[in-house]
Amino acid sequence: MSVFDILDEMDDMLDNAKAFPLAAHKIVIDGDRLRELVNDIRLAMPKEMKRAQTIDYDCDRIMKEAQQNAEKVIHEAEERAKTLVSESAIVDEAKKRAHEILAKTKTKCDQTKQATSAYVLQSLQSTESTIADLLEQVRKERGNWEDN
């Protein structure tokens, strides 16, 4: 029996049912026979409909899994972004600190260079003065020797 035949029998059953007393819109039917017909429909249902139902179920399952995976990927990406931002902040702070150290070192180097130049200049002037005094003494001694 085909699905359409079963549906026709159900339709005939409804047409031939007796009205319920004092309620014309309600009818009395054989519930066991109706349940048999519904089961017959399930058994006679085309394979394509069963396959479509399975596919529909699989689609729902796949969509839920995809949604869960997408949420997981988004969460992991957010965590990675937080880590990268944190690492970026650390790198920026390190660069800032390195520039400060470099600037202080350059300043110290310039100060040391100036102090060294001043020291060397003073030492040369002192040496020059000492040599001039010695030269003066040598000339005096030579003059004393020449006079004798």
N, C-alpha and C. Protein backbone atom coordinates (compact mmCIF):
# COMPACT_ATOMS: atom_id res chain seq x y z
N MET A 1 0.84 -1.17 0.00
CA MET A 1 0.00 0.00 0.00
C MET A 1 0.90 1.24 0.00
N SER A 2 0.58 2.22 -0.85
CA SER A 2 1.39 3.43 -0.95
C SER A 2 0.95 4.45 0.11
N VAL A 3 1.77 5.43 0.31
CA VAL A 3 1.45 6.50 1.26
C VAL A 3 0.14 7.17 0.85
N PHE A 4 -0.05 7.37 -0.44
CA PHE A 4 -1.27 8.04 -0.91
C PHE A 4 -2.52 7.19 -0.63
N ASP A 5 -2.40 5.87 -0.80
CA ASP A 5 -3.52 4.98 -0.49
C ASP A 5 -3.88 5.06 0.99
N ILE A 6 -2.86 5.09 1.83
CA ILE A 6 -3.10 5.15 3.27
C ILE A 6 -3.77 6.46 3.64
N LEU A 7 -3.29 7.54 3.04
CA LEU A 7 -3.90 8.85 3.30
C LEU A 7 -5.35 8.87 2.84
N ASP A 8 -5.63 8.25 1.69
CA ASP A 8 -7.02 8.18 1.20
C ASP A 8 -7.89 7.43 2.21
N GLU A 9 -7.39 6.33 2.76
CA GLU A 9 -8.15 5.54 3.73
C GLU A 9 -8.42 6.37 4.99
N MET A 10 -7.40 7.15 5.41
CA MET A 10 -7.59 8.01 6.58
C MET A 10 -8.66 9.06 6.30
N ASP A 11 -8.62 9.60 5.09
CA ASP A 11 -9.62 10.60 4.69
C ASP A 11 -11.03 9.99 4.69
N ASP A 12 -11.17 8.78 4.15
CA ASP A 12 -12.47 8.08 4.17
C ASP A 12 -12.92 7.83 5.60
N MET A 13 -11.99 7.47 6.46
CA MET A 13 -12.30 7.22 7.85
C MET A 13 -12.90 8.46 8.50
N LEU A 14 -12.30 9.62 8.21
CA LEU A 14 -12.81 10.88 8.75
C LEU A 14 -14.19 11.21 8.16
N ASP A 15 -14.35 10.97 6.84
CA ASP A 15 -15.63 11.27 6.19
C ASP A 15 -16.77 10.40 6.74
N ASN A 16 -16.48 9.17 7.06
CA ASN A 16 -17.51 8.22 7.48
C ASN A 16 -17.67 8.15 9.00
N ALA A 17 -16.92 8.97 9.72
CA ALA A 17 -17.00 8.95 11.17
C ALA A 17 -18.33 9.51 11.63
N LYS A 18 -18.81 9.03 12.77
CA LYS A 18 -20.08 9.50 13.32
C LYS A 18 -19.83 10.72 14.17
N ALA A 19 -20.72 11.68 14.13
CA ALA A 19 -20.61 12.91 14.92
C ALA A 19 -20.81 12.60 16.40
N PHE A 20 -20.16 13.32 17.23
CA PHE A 20 -20.28 13.18 18.67
C PHE A 20 -21.56 13.88 19.10
N PRO A 21 -22.36 13.25 19.99
CA PRO A 21 -23.62 13.88 20.38
C PRO A 21 -23.39 15.26 20.99
N LEU A 22 -24.20 16.21 20.59
CA LEU A 22 -24.22 17.60 21.06
C LEU A 22 -22.95 18.38 20.68
N ALA A 23 -22.10 17.82 19.80
CA ALA A 23 -20.91 18.54 19.33
C ALA A 23 -20.65 18.09 17.90
N ALA A 24 -21.27 18.76 16.95
CA ALA A 24 -21.21 18.35 15.54
C ALA A 24 -19.80 18.45 14.96
N HIS A 25 -19.01 19.28 15.50
CA HIS A 25 -17.65 19.45 14.96
C HIS A 25 -16.69 18.39 15.49
N LYS A 26 -17.13 17.54 16.45
CA LYS A 26 -16.30 16.46 16.97
C LYS A 26 -16.84 15.14 16.45
N ILE A 27 -15.91 14.19 16.17
CA ILE A 27 -16.32 12.89 15.63
C ILE A 27 -15.69 11.76 16.42
N VAL A 28 -16.24 10.56 16.26
CA VAL A 28 -15.72 9.37 16.91
C VAL A 28 -15.09 8.51 15.83
N ILE A 29 -13.80 8.15 16.05
CA ILE A 29 -13.11 7.28 15.09
C ILE A 29 -12.43 6.16 15.85
N ASP A 30 -12.02 5.15 15.15
CA ASP A 30 -11.30 4.01 15.73
C ASP A 30 -9.82 4.41 15.87
N GLY A 31 -9.42 4.71 17.12
CA GLY A 31 -8.05 5.16 17.39
C GLY A 31 -7.00 4.13 17.03
N ASP A 32 -7.30 2.84 17.32
CA ASP A 32 -6.32 1.79 17.00
C ASP A 32 -6.10 1.71 15.49
N ARG A 33 -7.17 1.82 14.73
CA ARG A 33 -7.04 1.75 13.26
C ARG A 33 -6.25 2.95 12.75
N LEU A 34 -6.52 4.13 13.31
CA LEU A 34 -5.79 5.34 12.90
C LEU A 34 -4.30 5.18 13.21
N ARG A 35 -3.97 4.62 14.38
CA ARG A 35 -2.56 4.40 14.74
C ARG A 35 -1.91 3.41 13.78
N GLU A 36 -2.63 2.38 13.36
CA GLU A 36 -2.11 1.42 12.38
C GLU A 36 -1.80 2.13 11.06
N LEU A 37 -2.71 2.99 10.66
CA LEU A 37 -2.51 3.71 9.40
C LEU A 37 -1.29 4.64 9.47
N VAL A 38 -1.11 5.31 10.60
CA VAL A 38 0.06 6.20 10.77
C VAL A 38 1.34 5.37 10.70
N ASN A 39 1.34 4.20 11.35
CA ASN A 39 2.51 3.33 11.29
C ASN A 39 2.75 2.83 9.87
N ASP A 40 1.66 2.54 9.15
CA ASP A 40 1.80 2.12 7.75
C ASP A 40 2.43 3.24 6.92
N ILE A 41 2.05 4.47 7.20
CA ILE A 41 2.66 5.62 6.47
C ILE A 41 4.15 5.66 6.74
N ARG A 42 4.52 5.48 7.99
CA ARG A 42 5.95 5.51 8.34
C ARG A 42 6.71 4.41 7.59
N LEU A 43 6.11 3.24 7.53
CA LEU A 43 6.76 2.12 6.84
C LEU A 43 6.81 2.32 5.33
N ALA A 44 5.75 2.94 4.80
CA ALA A 44 5.68 3.13 3.35
C ALA A 44 6.36 4.41 2.89
N MET A 45 6.88 5.19 3.82
CA MET A 45 7.51 6.47 3.48
C MET A 45 8.68 6.24 2.53
N PRO A 46 8.78 7.00 1.48
CA PRO A 46 9.88 6.82 0.52
C PRO A 46 11.25 7.01 1.20
N LYS A 47 12.20 6.25 0.67
CA LYS A 47 13.57 6.33 1.22
C LYS A 47 14.12 7.74 1.15
N GLU A 48 13.73 8.47 0.12
CA GLU A 48 14.22 9.84 -0.05
C GLU A 48 13.81 10.73 1.12
N MET A 49 12.58 10.52 1.63
CA MET A 49 12.11 11.32 2.75
C MET A 49 12.90 10.98 4.01
N LYS A 50 13.15 9.67 4.21
CA LYS A 50 13.95 9.26 5.37
C LYS A 50 15.37 9.82 5.24
N ARG A 51 15.90 9.75 4.04
CA ARG A 51 17.25 10.29 3.78
C ARG A 51 17.26 11.80 4.01
N ALA A 52 16.22 12.48 3.57
CA ALA A 52 16.12 13.94 3.77
C ALA A 52 16.07 14.26 5.25
N GLN A 53 15.34 13.45 6.02
CA GLN A 53 15.26 13.67 7.45
C GLN A 53 16.63 13.47 8.09
N THR A 54 17.35 12.43 7.66
CA THR A 54 18.70 12.18 8.18
C THR A 54 19.63 13.32 7.81
N ILE A 55 19.53 13.78 6.57
CA ILE A 55 20.37 14.90 6.12
C ILE A 55 20.07 16.15 6.93
N ASP A 56 18.78 16.40 7.16
CA ASP A 56 18.38 17.56 7.96
C ASP A 56 18.98 17.48 9.36
N TYR A 57 18.89 16.28 9.96
CA TYR A 57 19.47 16.08 11.29
C TYR A 57 20.99 16.31 11.25
N ASP A 58 21.65 15.73 10.25
CA ASP A 58 23.10 15.89 10.11
C ASP A 58 23.48 17.35 9.91
N CYS A 59 22.67 18.06 9.12
CA CYS A 59 22.95 19.49 8.89
C CYS A 59 22.88 20.26 10.20
N ASP A 60 21.84 19.97 10.99
CA ASP A 60 21.73 20.64 12.29
C ASP A 60 22.93 20.33 13.18
N ARG A 61 23.32 19.06 13.21
CA ARG A 61 24.47 18.65 14.02
C ARG A 61 25.75 19.33 13.54
N ILE A 62 25.96 19.35 12.24
CA ILE A 62 27.16 19.97 11.66
C ILE A 62 27.18 21.47 11.94
N MET A 63 26.01 22.10 11.83
CA MET A 63 25.93 23.55 12.09
C MET A 63 26.28 23.84 13.56
N LYS A 64 25.77 23.00 14.48
CA LYS A 64 26.08 23.20 15.90
C LYS A 64 27.58 23.02 16.14
N GLU A 65 28.16 21.98 15.54
CA GLU A 65 29.60 21.75 15.69
C GLU A 65 30.39 22.92 15.11
N ALA A 66 29.96 23.41 13.95
CA ALA A 66 30.66 24.54 13.32
C ALA A 66 30.56 25.78 14.19
N GLN A 67 29.39 25.99 14.78
CA GLN A 67 29.19 27.14 15.67
C GLN A 67 30.11 27.03 16.88
N GLN A 68 30.18 25.83 17.47
CA GLN A 68 31.05 25.61 18.62
C GLN A 68 32.52 25.82 18.24
N ASN A 69 32.90 25.29 17.07
CA ASN A 69 34.29 25.48 16.61
C ASN A 69 34.58 26.95 16.35
N ALA A 70 33.62 27.64 15.75
CA ALA A 70 33.82 29.08 15.47
C ALA A 70 33.98 29.85 16.78
N GLU A 71 33.15 29.54 17.77
CA GLU A 71 33.26 30.21 19.05
C GLU A 71 34.61 29.92 19.71
N LYS A 72 35.06 28.67 19.58
CA LYS A 72 36.37 28.29 20.14
C LYS A 72 37.49 29.06 19.44
N VAL A 73 37.44 29.13 18.11
CA VAL A 73 38.47 29.86 17.34
C VAL A 73 38.46 31.34 17.71
N ILE A 74 37.26 31.90 17.84
CA ILE A 74 37.16 33.32 18.22
C ILE A 74 37.76 33.54 19.60
N HIS A 75 37.43 32.66 20.53
CA HIS A 75 37.97 32.78 21.89
C HIS A 75 39.49 32.70 21.88
N GLU A 76 40.01 31.71 21.14
CA GLU A 76 41.47 31.55 21.06
C GLU A 76 42.11 32.77 20.41
N ALA A 77 41.46 33.31 19.38
CA ALA A 77 41.99 34.49 18.70
C ALA A 77 41.99 35.70 19.65
N GLU A 78 40.93 35.83 20.43
CA GLU A 78 40.87 36.93 21.39
C GLU A 78 41.98 36.80 22.43
N GLU A 79 42.20 35.57 22.92
CA GLU A 79 43.26 35.34 23.90
C GLU A 79 44.63 35.65 23.28
N ARG A 80 44.82 35.21 22.04
CA ARG A 80 46.10 35.46 21.34
C ARG A 80 46.29 36.97 21.13
N ALA A 81 45.21 37.65 20.78
CA ALA A 81 45.29 39.10 20.59
C ALA A 81 45.68 39.79 21.89
N LYS A 82 45.08 39.33 23.01
CA LYS A 82 45.44 39.91 24.31
C LYS A 82 46.91 39.69 24.60
N THR A 83 47.39 38.48 24.30
CA THR A 83 48.79 38.15 24.54
C THR A 83 49.69 39.04 23.68
N LEU A 84 49.32 39.17 22.40
CA LEU A 84 50.13 40.00 21.49
C LEU A 84 50.14 41.45 21.93
N VAL A 85 48.99 41.95 22.36
CA VAL A 85 48.91 43.34 22.83
C VAL A 85 49.79 43.50 24.06
N SER A 86 49.72 42.50 24.95
CA SER A 86 50.54 42.55 26.15
C SER A 86 52.02 42.51 25.78
N GLU A 87 52.39 41.60 24.87
CA GLU A 87 53.78 41.51 24.42
C GLU A 87 54.20 42.80 23.72
N SER A 88 53.30 43.37 22.95
CA SER A 88 53.59 44.62 22.26
C SER A 88 53.85 45.73 23.26
N ALA A 89 53.05 45.78 24.32
CA ALA A 89 53.23 46.79 25.35
C ALA A 89 54.59 46.60 26.03
N ILE A 90 54.97 45.35 26.27
CA ILE A 90 56.27 45.07 26.88
C ILE A 90 57.40 45.50 25.95
N VAL A 91 57.25 45.18 24.67
CA VAL A 91 58.27 45.57 23.69
C VAL A 91 58.37 47.10 23.61
N ASP A 92 57.21 47.78 23.57
CA ASP A 92 57.21 49.24 23.52
C ASP A 92 57.89 49.83 24.76
N GLU A 93 57.59 49.26 25.92
CA GLU A 93 58.20 49.74 27.16
C GLU A 93 59.71 49.49 27.13
N ALA A 94 60.12 48.34 26.63
CA ALA A 94 61.55 48.02 26.53
C ALA A 94 62.26 49.00 25.58
N LYS A 95 61.60 49.29 24.44
CA LYS A 95 62.19 50.25 23.49
C LYS A 95 62.32 51.63 24.13
N LYS A 96 61.28 52.04 24.84
CA LYS A 96 61.30 53.34 25.50
C LYS A 96 62.44 53.39 26.51
N ARG A 97 62.55 52.31 27.31
CA ARG A 97 63.60 52.24 28.32
C ARG A 97 64.98 52.23 27.65
N ALA A 98 65.12 51.52 26.54
CA ALA A 98 66.40 51.47 25.82
C ALA A 98 66.78 52.86 25.30
N HIS A 99 65.79 53.60 24.78
CA HIS A 99 66.06 54.96 24.29
C HIS A 99 66.49 55.87 25.44
N GLU A 100 65.84 55.70 26.60
CA GLU A 100 66.22 56.51 27.76
C GLU A 100 67.66 56.21 28.19
N ILE A 101 67.98 54.91 28.24
CA ILE A 101 69.34 54.50 28.63
C ILE A 101 70.36 55.02 27.61
N LEU A 102 70.02 54.92 26.34
CA LEU A 102 70.91 55.41 25.29
C LEU A 102 71.12 56.91 25.42
N ALA A 103 70.05 57.66 25.68
CA ALA A 103 70.17 59.11 25.83
C ALA A 103 71.03 59.47 27.04
N LYS A 104 70.81 58.76 28.16
CA LYS A 104 71.61 59.02 29.36
C LYS A 104 73.08 58.68 29.11
N THR A 105 73.31 57.57 28.42
CA THR A 105 74.68 57.16 28.12
C THR A 105 75.37 58.18 27.22
N LYS A 106 74.64 58.68 26.22
CA LYS A 106 75.20 59.69 25.31
C LYS A 106 75.54 60.96 26.09
N THR A 107 74.64 61.35 26.99
CA THR A 107 74.89 62.55 27.80
C THR A 107 76.12 62.34 28.67
N LYS A 108 76.20 61.16 29.33
CA LYS A 108 77.37 60.86 30.17
C LYS A 108 78.64 60.85 29.35
N CYS A 109 78.54 60.27 28.14
CA CYS A 109 79.70 60.19 27.26
C CYS A 109 80.17 61.60 26.88
N ASP A 110 79.21 62.46 26.52
CA ASP A 110 79.56 63.85 26.17
C ASP A 110 80.19 64.57 27.36
N GLN A 111 79.63 64.36 28.56
CA GLN A 111 80.18 65.00 29.75
C GLN A 111 81.60 64.50 30.03
N THR A 112 81.80 63.18 29.89
CA THR A 112 83.12 62.60 30.11
C THR A 112 84.12 63.13 29.09
N LYS A 113 83.65 63.25 27.85
CA LYS A 113 84.51 63.78 26.78
C LYS A 113 84.93 65.22 27.09
N GLN A 114 83.98 66.03 27.53
CA GLN A 114 84.29 67.42 27.86
C GLN A 114 85.24 67.49 29.05
N ALA A 115 84.97 66.65 30.06
CA ALA A 115 85.85 66.65 31.24
C ALA A 115 87.25 66.20 30.86
N THR A 116 87.34 65.19 30.00
CA THR A 116 88.64 64.69 29.55
C THR A 116 89.37 65.77 28.75
N SER A 117 88.65 66.42 27.86
CA SER A 117 89.27 67.50 27.06
C SER A 117 89.78 68.61 27.97
N ALA A 118 88.96 68.97 28.97
CA ALA A 118 89.39 70.03 29.90
C ALA A 118 90.63 69.59 30.69
N TYR A 119 90.64 68.32 31.13
CA TYR A 119 91.78 67.79 31.89
C TYR A 119 93.04 67.77 31.03
N VAL A 120 92.88 67.29 29.78
CA VAL A 120 94.04 67.23 28.88
C VAL A 120 94.56 68.65 28.60
N LEU A 121 93.64 69.59 28.35
CA LEU A 121 94.04 70.98 28.09
C LEU A 121 94.77 71.56 29.30
N GLN A 122 94.25 71.32 30.50
CA GLN A 122 94.90 71.81 31.73
C GLN A 122 96.27 71.17 31.90
N SER A 123 96.32 69.85 31.63
CA SER A 123 97.62 69.15 31.76
C SER A 123 98.63 69.69 30.77
N LEU A 124 98.17 69.95 29.54
CA LEU A 124 99.10 70.50 28.53
C LEU A 124 99.56 71.90 28.92
N GLN A 125 98.60 72.69 29.43
CA GLN A 125 98.99 74.05 29.86
C GLN A 125 99.98 73.99 31.03
N SER A 126 99.72 73.09 31.97
CA SER A 126 100.63 72.93 33.12
C SER A 126 102.00 72.45 32.65
N THR A 127 101.98 71.48 31.72
CA THR A 127 103.25 70.96 31.18
C THR A 127 103.97 72.06 30.43
N GLU A 128 103.22 72.82 29.64
CA GLU A 128 103.82 73.92 28.89
C GLU A 128 104.43 74.95 29.85
N SER A 129 103.72 75.24 30.93
CA SER A 129 104.23 76.20 31.92
C SER A 129 105.49 75.67 32.60
N THR A 130 105.43 74.36 32.93
CA THR A 130 106.60 73.74 33.57
C THR A 130 107.78 73.75 32.60
N ILE A 131 107.54 73.41 31.33
CA ILE A 131 108.61 73.40 30.33
C ILE A 131 109.14 74.82 30.12
N ALA A 132 108.26 75.79 30.11
CA ALA A 132 108.70 77.19 29.94
C ALA A 132 109.59 77.61 31.10
N ASP A 133 109.16 77.22 32.34
CA ASP A 133 109.98 77.53 33.52
C ASP A 133 111.35 76.85 33.42
N LEU A 134 111.33 75.57 32.99
CA LEU A 134 112.58 74.83 32.86
C LEU A 134 113.45 75.45 31.77
N LEU A 135 112.82 75.84 30.67
CA LEU A 135 113.57 76.49 29.60
C LEU A 135 114.20 77.79 30.09
N GLU A 136 113.43 78.50 30.89
CA GLU A 136 113.95 79.77 31.45
C GLU A 136 115.16 79.48 32.34
N GLN A 137 115.05 78.44 33.13
CA GLN A 137 116.16 78.06 34.02
C GLN A 137 117.37 77.62 33.21
N VAL A 138 117.10 76.83 32.11
CA VAL A 138 118.19 76.36 31.26
C VAL A 138 118.88 77.57 30.64
N ARG A 139 118.14 78.54 30.20
CA ARG A 139 118.74 79.74 29.57
C ARG A 139 119.59 80.53 30.59
N LYS A 140 119.05 80.58 31.80
CA LYS A 140 119.80 81.30 32.84
C LYS A 140 121.11 80.57 33.13
N GLU A 141 121.02 79.27 33.25
CA GLU A 141 122.23 78.48 33.52
C GLU A 141 123.21 78.60 32.37
N ARG A 142 122.69 78.56 31.16
CA ARG A 142 123.57 78.68 30.01
C ARG A 142 124.21 80.07 29.97
N GLY A 143 123.41 81.05 30.34
CA GLY A 143 123.95 82.41 30.38
C GLY A 143 125.01 82.52 31.44
N ASN A 144 124.82 81.86 32.55
CA ASN A 144 125.83 81.84 33.63
C ASN A 144 127.07 81.15 33.11
N TRP A 145 126.98 80.16 32.35
CA TRP A 145 128.10 79.42 31.84
C TRP A 145 128.80 80.21 30.75
N GLU A 146 128.06 80.95 30.04
CA GLU A 146 128.65 81.72 28.97
C GLU A 146 129.38 82.93 29.54
N ASP A 147 128.88 83.45 30.64
CA ASP A 147 129.50 84.60 31.27
C ASP A 147 130.81 84.17 31.96
N ASN A 148 130.96 83.06 32.30
CA ASN A 148 132.16 82.60 33.00
C ASN A 148 133.18 82.22 32.06
